Amino acid sequence: GLTPQSAVQLGGYRVQGREQEAADRIAADAEALAEAGVFSLVL
């Protein structure tokens, strides 16, 4: 979602995933991280 270390690249401290394409991308990222072995995920 909003990842503060890359906030400038994201356009500042703003809500992420409001558009469908962005939401789908974040959902796919979440699945990939879970498959990679994270024990939990901050959104």
PDB file of all heavy atoms in Angstrom:
ATOM      1  N   GLY A   1       0.847  -1.186   0.000  1.00  0.00           N
ATOM      2  CA  GLY A   1       0.000   0.000   0.000  1.00  0.00           C
ATOM      3  C   GLY A   1       0.876   1.226   0.000  1.00  0.00           C
ATOM      4  O   GLY A   1       1.768   1.369  -0.852  1.00  0.00           O
ATOM      5  N   LEU A   2       0.652   2.113   0.956  1.00  0.00           N
ATOM      6  CA  LEU A   2       1.543   3.252   1.127  1.00  0.00           C
ATOM      7  C   LEU A   2       2.809   2.741   1.808  1.00  0.00           C
ATOM      8  O   LEU A   2       2.785   2.340   2.968  1.00  0.00           O
ATOM      9  CB  LEU A   2       0.888   4.333   1.975  1.00  0.00           C
ATOM     10  CG  LEU A   2       1.800   5.501   2.396  1.00  0.00           C
ATOM     11  CD1 LEU A   2       2.424   6.169   1.178  1.00  0.00           C
ATOM     12  CD2 LEU A   2       1.041   6.503   3.236  1.00  0.00           C
ATOM     13  N   THR A   3       3.897   2.729   1.077  1.00  0.00           N
ATOM     14  CA  THR A   3       5.181   2.284   1.613  1.00  0.00           C
ATOM     15  C   THR A   3       6.045   3.528   1.806  1.00  0.00           C
ATOM     16  O   THR A   3       6.550   4.091   0.821  1.00  0.00           O
ATOM     17  CB  THR A   3       5.848   1.278   0.665  1.00  0.00           C
ATOM     18  OG1 THR A   3       5.767   1.774  -0.689  1.00  0.00           O
ATOM     19  CG2 THR A   3       5.136  -0.067   0.726  1.00  0.00           C
ATOM     20  N   PRO A   4       6.221   3.991   3.050  1.00  0.00           N
ATOM     21  CA  PRO A   4       6.856   5.290   3.298  1.00  0.00           C
ATOM     22  C   PRO A   4       8.250   5.450   2.703  1.00  0.00           C
ATOM     23  O   PRO A   4       8.632   6.564   2.321  1.00  0.00           O
ATOM     24  CB  PRO A   4       6.902   5.357   4.831  1.00  0.00           C
ATOM     25  CG  PRO A   4       5.724   4.548   5.269  1.00  0.00           C
ATOM     26  CD  PRO A   4       5.668   3.409   4.290  1.00  0.00           C
ATOM     27  N   GLN A   5       9.018   4.371   2.601  1.00  0.00           N
ATOM     28  CA  GLN A   5      10.362   4.499   2.045  1.00  0.00           C
ATOM     29  C   GLN A   5      10.337   4.908   0.571  1.00  0.00           C
ATOM     30  O   GLN A   5      11.312   5.457   0.057  1.00  0.00           O
ATOM     31  CB  GLN A   5      11.138   3.188   2.213  1.00  0.00           C
ATOM     32  CG  GLN A   5      11.482   2.859   3.662  1.00  0.00           C
ATOM     33  CD  GLN A   5      12.187   1.520   3.802  1.00  0.00           C
ATOM     34  OE1 GLN A   5      12.614   0.914   2.817  1.00  0.00           O
ATOM     35  NE2 GLN A   5      12.311   1.038   5.024  1.00  0.00           N
ATOM     36  N   SER A   6       9.234   4.636  -0.109  1.00  0.00           N
ATOM     37  CA  SER A   6       9.110   5.002  -1.523  1.00  0.00           C
ATOM     38  C   SER A   6       7.949   5.972  -1.756  1.00  0.00           C
ATOM     39  O   SER A   6       7.355   6.009  -2.824  1.00  0.00           O
ATOM     40  CB  SER A   6       8.912   3.747  -2.386  1.00  0.00           C
ATOM     41  OG  SER A   6       7.832   2.967  -1.910  1.00  0.00           O
ATOM     42  N   ALA A   7       7.640   6.776  -0.728  1.00  0.00           N
ATOM     43  CA  ALA A   7       6.487   7.684  -0.804  1.00  0.00           C
ATOM     44  C   ALA A   7       6.621   8.692  -1.946  1.00  0.00           C
ATOM     45  O   ALA A   7       5.630   9.043  -2.585  1.00  0.00           O
ATOM     46  CB  ALA A   7       6.309   8.408   0.533  1.00  0.00           C
ATOM     47  N   VAL A   8       7.821   9.159  -2.218  1.00  0.00           N
ATOM     48  CA  VAL A   8       8.012  10.123  -3.302  1.00  0.00           C
ATOM     49  C   VAL A   8       7.606   9.511  -4.635  1.00  0.00           C
ATOM     50  O   VAL A   8       6.910  10.127  -5.453  1.00  0.00           O
ATOM     51  CB  VAL A   8       9.482  10.606  -3.355  1.00  0.00           C
ATOM     52  CG1 VAL A   8       9.720  11.464  -4.596  1.00  0.00           C
ATOM     53  CG2 VAL A   8       9.818  11.395  -2.099  1.00  0.00           C
ATOM     54  N   GLN A   9       8.012   8.258  -4.854  1.00  0.00           N
ATOM     55  CA  GLN A   9       7.668   7.555  -6.093  1.00  0.00           C
ATOM     56  C   GLN A   9       6.165   7.328  -6.203  1.00  0.00           C
ATOM     57  O   GLN A   9       5.610   7.290  -7.309  1.00  0.00           O
ATOM     58  CB  GLN A   9       8.414   6.217  -6.129  1.00  0.00           C
ATOM     59  CG  GLN A   9       8.332   5.492  -7.463  1.00  0.00           C
ATOM     60  CD  GLN A   9       9.160   4.221  -7.447  1.00  0.00           C
ATOM     61  OE1 GLN A   9       9.264   3.550  -6.422  1.00  0.00           O
ATOM     62  NE2 GLN A   9       9.765   3.886  -8.577  1.00  0.00           N
ATOM     63  N   LEU A  10       5.505   7.210  -5.063  1.00  0.00           N
ATOM     64  CA  LEU A  10       4.061   6.957  -5.045  1.00  0.00           C
ATOM     65  C   LEU A  10       3.245   8.239  -5.134  1.00  0.00           C
ATOM     66  O   LEU A  10       2.017   8.191  -5.135  1.00  0.00           O
ATOM     67  CB  LEU A  10       3.681   6.199  -3.761  1.00  0.00           C
ATOM     68  CG  LEU A  10       4.278   4.801  -3.596  1.00  0.00           C
ATOM     69  CD1 LEU A  10       3.947   4.246  -2.212  1.00  0.00           C
ATOM     70  CD2 LEU A  10       3.776   3.861  -4.678  1.00  0.00           C
ATOM     71  N   GLY A  11       3.912   9.378  -5.183  1.00  0.00           N
ATOM     72  CA  GLY A  11       3.197  10.643  -5.276  1.00  0.00           C
ATOM     73  C   GLY A  11       2.903  11.271  -3.938  1.00  0.00           C
ATOM     74  O   GLY A  11       2.027  12.134  -3.823  1.00  0.00           O
ATOM     75  N   GLY A  12       3.617  10.840  -2.900  1.00  0.00           N
ATOM     76  CA  GLY A  12       3.415  11.403  -1.568  1.00  0.00           C
ATOM     77  C   GLY A  12       2.662  10.452  -0.664  1.00  0.00           C
ATOM     78  O   GLY A  12       2.381   9.301  -1.018  1.00  0.00           O
ATOM     79  N   TYR A  13       2.323  10.940   0.513  1.00  0.00           N
ATOM     80  CA  TYR A  13       1.624  10.126   1.507  1.00  0.00           C
ATOM     81  C   TYR A  13       0.131  10.150   1.200  1.00  0.00           C
ATOM     82  O   TYR A  13      -0.625  10.957   1.737  1.00  0.00           O
ATOM     83  CB  TYR A  13       1.907  10.653   2.919  1.00  0.00           C
ATOM     84  CG  TYR A  13       3.361  10.510   3.323  1.00  0.00           C
ATOM     85  CD1 TYR A  13       4.281  11.528   3.071  1.00  0.00           C
ATOM     86  CD2 TYR A  13       3.815   9.346   3.937  1.00  0.00           C
ATOM     87  CE1 TYR A  13       5.614  11.389   3.423  1.00  0.00           C
ATOM     88  CE2 TYR A  13       5.147   9.199   4.297  1.00  0.00           C
ATOM     89  CZ  TYR A  13       6.039  10.228   4.038  1.00  0.00           C
ATOM     90  OH  TYR A  13       7.362  10.087   4.396  1.00  0.00           O
ATOM     91  N   ARG A  14      -0.282   9.247   0.312  1.00  0.00           N
ATOM     92  CA  ARG A  14      -1.670   9.229  -0.141  1.00  0.00           C
ATOM     93  C   ARG A  14      -2.174   7.798  -0.239  1.00  0.00           C
ATOM     94  O   ARG A  14      -1.395   6.843  -0.302  1.00  0.00           O
ATOM     95  CB  ARG A  14      -1.791   9.926  -1.501  1.00  0.00           C
ATOM     96  CG  ARG A  14      -0.823   9.438  -2.539  1.00  0.00           C
ATOM     97  CD  ARG A  14      -0.725  10.383  -3.732  1.00  0.00           C
ATOM     98  NE  ARG A  14      -1.945  10.392  -4.510  1.00  0.00           N
ATOM     99  CZ  ARG A  14      -2.181   9.568  -5.538  1.00  0.00           C
ATOM    100  NH1 ARG A  14      -1.259   8.690  -5.927  1.00  0.00           N
ATOM    101  NH2 ARG A  14      -3.303   9.623  -6.193  1.00  0.00           N
ATOM    102  N   VAL A  15      -3.479   7.658  -0.240  1.00  0.00           N
ATOM    103  CA  VAL A  15      -4.100   6.344  -0.320  1.00  0.00           C
ATOM    104  C   VAL A  15      -3.708   5.658  -1.622  1.00  0.00           C
ATOM    105  O   VAL A  15      -3.698   6.278  -2.694  1.00  0.00           O
ATOM    106  CB  VAL A  15      -5.638   6.470  -0.225  1.00  0.00           C
ATOM    107  CG1 VAL A  15      -6.302   5.100  -0.389  1.00  0.00           C
ATOM    108  CG2 VAL A  15      -6.037   7.091   1.112  1.00  0.00           C
ATOM    109  N   GLN A  16      -3.405   4.365  -1.528  1.00  0.00           N
ATOM    110  CA  GLN A  16      -3.004   3.570  -2.686  1.00  0.00           C
ATOM    111  C   GLN A  16      -4.094   2.537  -3.016  1.00  0.00           C
ATOM    112  O   GLN A  16      -4.755   2.023  -2.121  1.00  0.00           O
ATOM    113  CB  GLN A  16      -1.686   2.845  -2.399  1.00  0.00           C
ATOM    114  CG  GLN A  16      -0.537   3.756  -2.040  1.00  0.00           C
ATOM    115  CD  GLN A  16      -0.150   4.675  -3.176  1.00  0.00           C
ATOM    116  OE1 GLN A  16       0.082   4.236  -4.300  1.00  0.00           O
ATOM    117  NE2 GLN A  16      -0.058   5.974  -2.888  1.00  0.00           N
ATOM    118  N   GLY A  17      -4.248   2.229  -4.302  1.00  0.00           N
ATOM    119  CA  GLY A  17      -5.163   1.162  -4.702  1.00  0.00           C
ATOM    120  C   GLY A  17      -6.599   1.587  -4.898  1.00  0.00           C
ATOM    121  O   GLY A  17      -7.499   0.748  -4.848  1.00  0.00           O
ATOM    122  N   ARG A  18      -6.833   2.853  -5.153  1.00  0.00           N
ATOM    123  CA  ARG A  18      -8.213   3.303  -5.371  1.00  0.00           C
ATOM    124  C   ARG A  18      -8.710   2.907  -6.753  1.00  0.00           C
ATOM    125  O   ARG A  18      -9.890   2.596  -6.923  1.00  0.00           O
ATOM    126  CB  ARG A  18      -8.299   4.819  -5.192  1.00  0.00           C
ATOM    127  CG  ARG A  18      -8.438   5.232  -3.731  1.00  0.00           C
ATOM    128  CD  ARG A  18      -8.680   6.715  -3.595  1.00  0.00           C
ATOM    129  NE  ARG A  18      -9.216   7.045  -2.290  1.00  0.00           N
ATOM    130  CZ  ARG A  18      -8.912   8.150  -1.614  1.00  0.00           C
ATOM    131  NH1 ARG A  18      -8.062   9.026  -2.137  1.00  0.00           N
ATOM    132  NH2 ARG A  18      -9.450   8.390  -0.442  1.00  0.00           N
ATOM    133  N   GLU A  19      -7.829   2.932  -7.756  1.00  0.00           N
ATOM    134  CA  GLU A  19      -8.226   2.515  -9.100  1.00  0.00           C
ATOM    135  C   GLU A  19      -8.121   0.991  -9.196  1.00  0.00           C
ATOM    136  O   GLU A  19      -7.310   0.362  -8.526  1.00  0.00           O
ATOM    137  CB  GLU A  19      -7.332   3.178 -10.153  1.00  0.00           C
ATOM    138  CG  GLU A  19      -7.457   4.683 -10.222  1.00  0.00           C
ATOM    139  CD  GLU A  19      -6.738   5.403  -9.090  1.00  0.00           C
ATOM    140  OE1 GLU A  19      -5.784   4.805  -8.537  1.00  0.00           O
ATOM    141  OE2 GLU A  19      -7.157   6.516  -8.733  1.00  0.00           O
ATOM    142  N   GLN A  20      -8.945   0.396 -10.062  1.00  0.00           N
ATOM    143  CA  GLN A  20      -9.014  -1.060 -10.147  1.00  0.00           C
ATOM    144  C   GLN A  20      -7.662  -1.678 -10.503  1.00  0.00           C
ATOM    145  O   GLN A  20      -7.256  -2.689  -9.915  1.00  0.00           O
ATOM    146  CB  GLN A  20     -10.060  -1.473 -11.188  1.00  0.00           C
ATOM    147  CG  GLN A  20     -10.350  -2.972 -11.210  1.00  0.00           C
ATOM    148  CD  GLN A  20     -10.936  -3.449  -9.893  1.00  0.00           C
ATOM    149  OE1 GLN A  20     -11.876  -2.863  -9.362  1.00  0.00           O
ATOM    150  NE2 GLN A  20     -10.374  -4.519  -9.338  1.00  0.00           N
ATOM    151  N   GLU A  21      -6.976  -1.074 -11.454  1.00  0.00           N
ATOM    152  CA  GLU A  21      -5.687  -1.626 -11.866  1.00  0.00           C
ATOM    153  C   GLU A  21      -4.686  -1.616 -10.708  1.00  0.00           C
ATOM    154  O   GLU A  21      -3.960  -2.597 -10.485  1.00  0.00           O
ATOM    155  CB  GLU A  21      -5.126  -0.812 -13.039  1.00  0.00           C
ATOM    156  CG  GLU A  21      -3.800  -1.349 -13.562  1.00  0.00           C
ATOM    157  CD  GLU A  21      -3.261  -0.524 -14.723  1.00  0.00           C
ATOM    158  OE1 GLU A  21      -3.986   0.355 -15.226  1.00  0.00           O
ATOM    159  OE2 GLU A  21      -2.102  -0.772 -15.128  1.00  0.00           O
ATOM    160  N   ALA A  22      -4.662  -0.521  -9.960  1.00  0.00           N
ATOM    161  CA  ALA A  22      -3.755  -0.421  -8.816  1.00  0.00           C
ATOM    162  C   ALA A  22      -4.150  -1.409  -7.726  1.00  0.00           C
ATOM    163  O   ALA A  22      -3.289  -2.035  -7.092  1.00  0.00           O
ATOM    164  CB  ALA A  22      -3.760   1.003  -8.272  1.00  0.00           C
ATOM    165  N   ALA A  23      -5.456  -1.573  -7.507  1.00  0.00           N
ATOM    166  CA  ALA A  23      -5.937  -2.523  -6.503  1.00  0.00           C
ATOM    167  C   ALA A  23      -5.547  -3.948  -6.870  1.00  0.00           C
ATOM    168  O   ALA A  23      -5.094  -4.731  -6.015  1.00  0.00           O
ATOM    169  CB  ALA A  23      -7.454  -2.409  -6.352  1.00  0.00           C
ATOM    170  N   ASP A  24      -5.714  -4.288  -8.150  1.00  0.00           N
ATOM    171  CA  ASP A  24      -5.343  -5.634  -8.601  1.00  0.00           C
ATOM    172  C   ASP A  24      -3.844  -5.874  -8.441  1.00  0.00           C
ATOM    173  O   ASP A  24      -3.416  -6.979  -8.099  1.00  0.00           O
ATOM    174  CB  ASP A  24      -5.744  -5.816 -10.067  1.00  0.00           C
ATOM    175  CG  ASP A  24      -7.247  -5.885 -10.264  1.00  0.00           C
ATOM    176  OD1 ASP A  24      -7.967  -6.094  -9.263  1.00  0.00           O
ATOM    177  OD2 ASP A  24      -7.705  -5.717 -11.406  1.00  0.00           O
ATOM    178  N   ARG A  25      -3.066  -4.829  -8.690  1.00  0.00           N
ATOM    179  CA  ARG A  25      -1.612  -4.958  -8.557  1.00  0.00           C
ATOM    180  C   ARG A  25      -1.216  -5.210  -7.096  1.00  0.00           C
ATOM    181  O   ARG A  25      -0.384  -6.073  -6.800  1.00  0.00           O
ATOM    182  CB  ARG A  25      -0.934  -3.697  -9.082  1.00  0.00           C
ATOM    183  CG  ARG A  25       0.590  -3.772  -9.043  1.00  0.00           C
ATOM    184  CD  ARG A  25       1.231  -2.598  -9.770  1.00  0.00           C
ATOM    185  NE  ARG A  25       0.905  -1.320  -9.158  1.00  0.00           N
ATOM    186  CZ  ARG A  25       0.090  -0.415  -9.686  1.00  0.00           C
ATOM    187  NH1 ARG A  25      -0.496  -0.645 -10.844  1.00  0.00           N
ATOM    188  NH2 ARG A  25      -0.156   0.732  -9.067  1.00  0.00           N
ATOM    189  N   ILE A  26      -1.834  -4.485  -6.169  1.00  0.00           N
ATOM    190  CA  ILE A  26      -1.524  -4.677  -4.747  1.00  0.00           C
ATOM    191  C   ILE A  26      -1.973  -6.056  -4.285  1.00  0.00           C
ATOM    192  O   ILE A  26      -1.265  -6.735  -3.526  1.00  0.00           O
ATOM    193  CB  ILE A  26      -2.183  -3.564  -3.903  1.00  0.00           C
ATOM    194  CG1 ILE A  26      -1.530  -2.215  -4.229  1.00  0.00           C
ATOM    195  CG2 ILE A  26      -2.069  -3.869  -2.416  1.00  0.00           C
ATOM    196  CD1 ILE A  26      -2.227  -1.024  -3.611  1.00  0.00           C
ATOM    197  N   ALA A  27      -3.139  -6.513  -4.761  1.00  0.00           N
ATOM    198  CA  ALA A  27      -3.623  -7.847  -4.398  1.00  0.00           C
ATOM    199  C   ALA A  27      -2.681  -8.933  -4.906  1.00  0.00           C
ATOM    200  O   ALA A  27      -2.386  -9.908  -4.204  1.00  0.00           O
ATOM    201  CB  ALA A  27      -5.036  -8.057  -4.942  1.00  0.00           C
ATOM    202  N   ALA A  28      -2.174  -8.755  -6.136  1.00  0.00           N
ATOM    203  CA  ALA A  28      -1.224  -9.717  -6.700  1.00  0.00           C
ATOM    204  C   ALA A  28       0.097  -9.687  -5.922  1.00  0.00           C
ATOM    205  O   ALA A  28       0.720 -10.728  -5.687  1.00  0.00           O
ATOM    206  CB  ALA A  28      -0.986  -9.418  -8.175  1.00  0.00           C
ATOM    207  N   ASP A  29       0.524  -8.499  -5.511  1.00  0.00           N
ATOM    208  CA  ASP A  29       1.727  -8.373  -4.689  1.00  0.00           C
ATOM    209  C   ASP A  29       1.555  -9.124  -3.369  1.00  0.00           C
ATOM    210  O   ASP A  29       2.479  -9.804  -2.894  1.00  0.00           O
ATOM    211  CB  ASP A  29       2.024  -6.903  -4.402  1.00  0.00           C
ATOM    212  CG  ASP A  29       2.624  -6.165  -5.593  1.00  0.00           C
ATOM    213  OD1 ASP A  29       3.149  -6.842  -6.502  1.00  0.00           O
ATOM    214  OD2 ASP A  29       2.564  -4.922  -5.599  1.00  0.00           O
ATOM    215  N   ALA A  30       0.384  -8.996  -2.773  1.00  0.00           N
ATOM    216  CA  ALA A  30       0.109  -9.671  -1.503  1.00  0.00           C
ATOM    217  C   ALA A  30       0.204 -11.187  -1.655  1.00  0.00           C
ATOM    218  O   ALA A  30       0.804 -11.877  -0.812  1.00  0.00           O
ATOM    219  CB  ALA A  30      -1.274  -9.274  -0.993  1.00  0.00           C
ATOM    220  N   GLU A  31      -0.361 -11.706  -2.723  1.00  0.00           N
ATOM    221  CA  GLU A  31      -0.294 -13.150  -2.980  1.00  0.00           C
ATOM    222  C   GLU A  31       1.158 -13.596  -3.169  1.00  0.00           C
ATOM    223  O   GLU A  31       1.579 -14.644  -2.658  1.00  0.00           O
ATOM    224  CB  GLU A  31      -1.115 -13.492  -4.223  1.00  0.00           C
ATOM    225  CG  GLU A  31      -2.616 -13.284  -4.078  1.00  0.00           C
ATOM    226  CD  GLU A  31      -3.307 -14.450  -3.378  1.00  0.00           C
ATOM    227  OE1 GLU A  31      -2.615 -15.378  -2.917  1.00  0.00           O
ATOM    228  OE2 GLU A  31      -4.547 -14.413  -3.292  1.00  0.00           O
ATOM    229  N   ALA A  32       1.940 -12.797  -3.892  1.00  0.00           N
ATOM    230  CA  ALA A  32       3.334 -13.144  -4.146  1.00  0.00           C
ATOM    231  C   ALA A  32       4.145 -13.159  -2.859  1.00  0.00           C
ATOM    232  O   ALA A  32       4.988 -14.050  -2.642  1.00  0.00           O
ATOM    233  CB  ALA A  32       3.939 -12.162  -5.140  1.00  0.00           C
ATOM    234  N   LEU A  33       3.902 -12.189  -1.985  1.00  0.00           N
ATOM    235  CA  LEU A  33       4.630 -12.137  -0.718  1.00  0.00           C
ATOM    236  C   LEU A  33       4.250 -13.308   0.184  1.00  0.00           C
ATOM    237  O   LEU A  33       5.111 -13.888   0.855  1.00  0.00           O
ATOM    238  CB  LEU A  33       4.364 -10.813  -0.008  1.00  0.00           C
ATOM    239  CG  LEU A  33       4.963  -9.567  -0.654  1.00  0.00           C
ATOM    240  CD1 LEU A  33       4.515  -8.311   0.081  1.00  0.00           C
ATOM    241  CD2 LEU A  33       6.489  -9.641  -0.681  1.00  0.00           C
ATOM    242  N   ALA A  34       2.964 -13.652   0.191  1.00  0.00           N
ATOM    243  CA  ALA A  34       2.521 -14.798   0.991  1.00  0.00           C
ATOM    244  C   ALA A  34       3.161 -16.085   0.482  1.00  0.00           C
ATOM    245  O   ALA A  34       3.621 -16.926   1.266  1.00  0.00           O
ATOM    246  CB  ALA A  34       0.998 -14.902   0.966  1.00  0.00           C
ATOM    247  N   GLU A  35       3.223 -16.227  -0.827  1.00  0.00           N
ATOM    248  CA  GLU A  35       3.849 -17.410  -1.421  1.00  0.00           C
ATOM    249  C   GLU A  35       5.347 -17.447  -1.111  1.00  0.00           C
ATOM    250  O   GLU A  35       5.940 -18.514  -0.944  1.00  0.00           O
ATOM    251  CB  GLU A  35       3.628 -17.407  -2.933  1.00  0.00           C
ATOM    252  CG  GLU A  35       4.103 -18.675  -3.623  1.00  0.00           C
ATOM    253  CD  GLU A  35       3.787 -18.679  -5.108  1.00  0.00           C
ATOM    254  OE1 GLU A  35       2.849 -17.972  -5.521  1.00  0.00           O
ATOM    255  OE2 GLU A  35       4.493 -19.385  -5.857  1.00  0.00           O
ATOM    256  N   ALA A  36       5.964 -16.261  -1.005  1.00  0.00           N
ATOM    257  CA  ALA A  36       7.402 -16.183  -0.708  1.00  0.00           C
ATOM    258  C   ALA A  36       7.709 -16.507   0.751  1.00  0.00           C
ATOM    259  O   ALA A  36       8.871 -16.761   1.089  1.00  0.00           O
ATOM    260  CB  ALA A  36       7.937 -14.810  -1.057  1.00  0.00           C
ATOM    261  N   GLY A  37       6.671 -16.453   1.623  1.00  0.00           N
ATOM    262  CA  GLY A  37       6.882 -16.903   2.998  1.00  0.00           C
ATOM    263  C   GLY A  37       6.699 -15.885   4.096  1.00  0.00           C
ATOM    264  O   GLY A  37       7.088 -16.151   5.244  1.00  0.00           O
ATOM    265  N   VAL A  38       6.117 -14.691   3.818  1.00  0.00           N
ATOM    266  CA  VAL A  38       5.883 -13.757   4.918  1.00  0.00           C
ATOM    267  C   VAL A  38       4.925 -14.391   5.932  1.00  0.00           C
ATOM    268  O   VAL A  38       4.025 -15.136   5.565  1.00  0.00           O
ATOM    269  CB  VAL A  38       5.305 -12.406   4.432  1.00  0.00           C
ATOM    270  CG1 VAL A  38       6.293 -11.688   3.536  1.00  0.00           C
ATOM    271  CG2 VAL A  38       3.958 -12.576   3.724  1.00  0.00           C
ATOM    272  N   PHE A  39       5.134 -14.078   7.212  1.00  0.00           N
ATOM    273  CA  PHE A  39       4.242 -14.620   8.242  1.00  0.00           C
ATOM    274  C   PHE A  39       3.066 -13.685   8.489  1.00  0.00           C
ATOM    275  O   PHE A  39       2.074 -14.070   9.104  1.00  0.00           O
ATOM    276  CB  PHE A  39       4.998 -14.861   9.551  1.00  0.00           C
ATOM    277  CG  PHE A  39       5.343 -13.608  10.314  1.00  0.00           C
ATOM    278  CD1 PHE A  39       4.459 -13.089  11.256  1.00  0.00           C
ATOM    279  CD2 PHE A  39       6.551 -12.965  10.117  1.00  0.00           C
ATOM    280  CE1 PHE A  39       4.780 -11.931  11.965  1.00  0.00           C
ATOM    281  CE2 PHE A  39       6.885 -11.818  10.818  1.00  0.00           C
ATOM    282  CZ  PHE A  39       5.991 -11.294  11.748  1.00  0.00           C
ATOM    283  N   SER A  40       3.167 -12.452   7.967  1.00  0.00           N
ATOM    284  CA  SER A  40       2.118 -11.458   8.141  1.00  0.00           C
ATOM    285  C   SER A  40       2.358 -10.332   7.143  1.00  0.00           C
ATOM    286  O   SER A  40       3.448 -10.229   6.560  1.00  0.00           O
ATOM    287  CB  SER A  40       2.124 -10.909   9.572  1.00  0.00           C
ATOM    288  OG  SER A  40       1.092  -9.966   9.772  1.00  0.00           O
ATOM    289  N   LEU A  41       1.349  -9.490   6.960  1.00  0.00           N
ATOM    290  CA  LEU A  41       1.437  -8.442   5.949  1.00  0.00           C
ATOM    291  C   LEU A  41       0.763  -7.173   6.443  1.00  0.00           C
ATOM    292  O   LEU A  41      -0.413  -7.189   6.798  1.00  0.00           O
ATOM    293  CB  LEU A  41       0.767  -8.909   4.651  1.00  0.00           C
ATOM    294  CG  LEU A  41       0.766  -7.939   3.471  1.00  0.00           C
ATOM    295  CD1 LEU A  41       2.188  -7.676   2.989  1.00  0.00           C
ATOM    296  CD2 LEU A  41      -0.079  -8.500   2.332  1.00  0.00           C
ATOM    297  N   VAL A  42       1.521  -6.078   6.485  1.00  0.00           N
ATOM    298  CA  VAL A  42       0.950  -4.769   6.807  1.00  0.00           C
ATOM    299  C   VAL A  42       0.333  -4.174   5.545  1.00  0.00           C
ATOM    300  O   VAL A  42       0.948  -4.178   4.474  1.00  0.00           O
ATOM    301  CB  VAL A  42       2.038  -3.816   7.356  1.00  0.00           C
ATOM    302  CG1 VAL A  42       1.504  -2.378   7.439  1.00  0.00           C
ATOM    303  CG2 VAL A  42       2.505  -4.272   8.725  1.00  0.00           C
ATOM    304  N   LEU A  43      -0.891  -3.666   5.678  1.00  0.00           N
ATOM    305  CA  LEU A  43      -1.573  -2.951   4.600  1.00  0.00           C
ATOM    306  C   LEU A  43      -1.784  -1.524   5.074  1.00  0.00           C
ATOM    307  O   LEU A  43      -2.517  -1.285   6.035  1.00  0.00           O
ATOM    308  CB  LEU A  43      -2.924  -3.603   4.279  1.00  0.00           C
ATOM    309  CG  LEU A  43      -2.874  -5.038   3.752  1.00  0.00           C
ATOM    310  CD1 LEU A  43      -4.294  -5.600   3.624  1.00  0.00           C
ATOM    311  CD2 LEU A  43      -2.152  -5.088   2.409  1.00  0.00           C
TER     312      LEU A  43
END
